[in-house]
Protein backbone atom coordinates (compact mmCIF):
# COMPACT_ATOMS: atom_id res chain seq x y z
CA MET A 1 126.76 85.24 111.70
CA ASN A 2 124.54 88.32 111.89
CA GLN A 3 120.94 88.70 110.68
CA ASN A 4 121.86 90.31 107.33
CA GLU A 5 124.28 87.51 106.48
CA ILE A 6 121.63 84.90 107.27
CA LEU A 7 119.06 86.68 105.08
CA GLU A 8 121.49 87.00 102.16
CA LYS A 9 122.50 83.35 102.43
CA SER A 10 118.90 82.11 102.20
CA LYS A 11 117.66 84.78 99.74
CA GLU A 12 116.84 82.27 96.98
CA LYS A 13 114.54 80.33 99.35
CA ARG A 14 112.49 83.37 100.38
CA THR A 15 109.16 84.34 98.84
CA LYS A 16 107.07 87.50 98.99
CA CYS A 17 104.56 87.55 101.82
CA ILE A 18 101.36 89.50 101.15
CA VAL A 19 99.83 90.88 104.35
CA TYR A 20 96.06 91.31 104.43
CA THR A 21 94.05 93.32 106.92
CA ARG A 22 90.35 93.63 107.52
CA VAL A 23 88.92 96.96 106.37
CA MET A 24 85.22 97.78 106.61
CA GLY A 25 84.12 94.13 106.62
CA TYR A 26 86.41 92.76 103.90
CA HIS A 27 90.06 91.75 103.59
CA ARG A 28 92.46 93.88 101.59
CA PRO A 29 96.24 93.64 100.96
CA VAL A 30 98.25 96.25 102.85
CA GLU A 31 100.51 96.80 99.81
CA SER A 32 97.56 98.41 97.97
CA PHE A 33 97.15 101.09 100.68
CA ASN A 34 98.15 104.69 100.03
CA ILE A 35 101.12 106.19 101.96
CA GLY A 36 98.99 107.54 104.80
CA LYS A 37 97.11 104.30 105.34
CA LYS A 38 100.37 102.30 105.29
CA GLY A 39 101.77 104.57 108.01
CA GLU A 40 98.61 104.16 110.05
CA HIS A 41 98.86 100.37 109.70
CA LYS A 42 102.47 100.39 110.98
CA GLU A 43 101.39 102.35 114.09
CA ARG A 44 98.69 99.87 115.08
CA LYS A 45 99.07 98.12 118.39
CA PHE A 46 98.22 94.45 118.57
CA PHE A 47 97.01 92.67 121.68
CA LEU A 48 95.97 89.23 122.79
CA GLU A 49 92.51 88.95 124.22
CA LYS A 50 92.55 87.01 127.47
CA ALA A 51 90.21 84.06 127.63
CA SER A 52 87.14 84.89 129.69
CA GLN A 53 86.82 83.06 132.97
CA ASN A 54 83.38 81.77 133.78
CA ASN A 55 83.10 81.52 137.57
CA ALA A 56 79.42 80.54 137.60
CA ALA A 57 78.62 78.32 140.53
């Protein structure tokens, strides 16, 4: 079973997910962005910050 078949089979169980992002100190839904801002959001690169290592002796 491929991905599309799985999605169609469970379509009635799915709900809309609203994605928020932080803009200028407050949270705003991405769906309210204009076309240019939506494109910019898609191009963002996400990273995981490594935990700092405290080697104090």
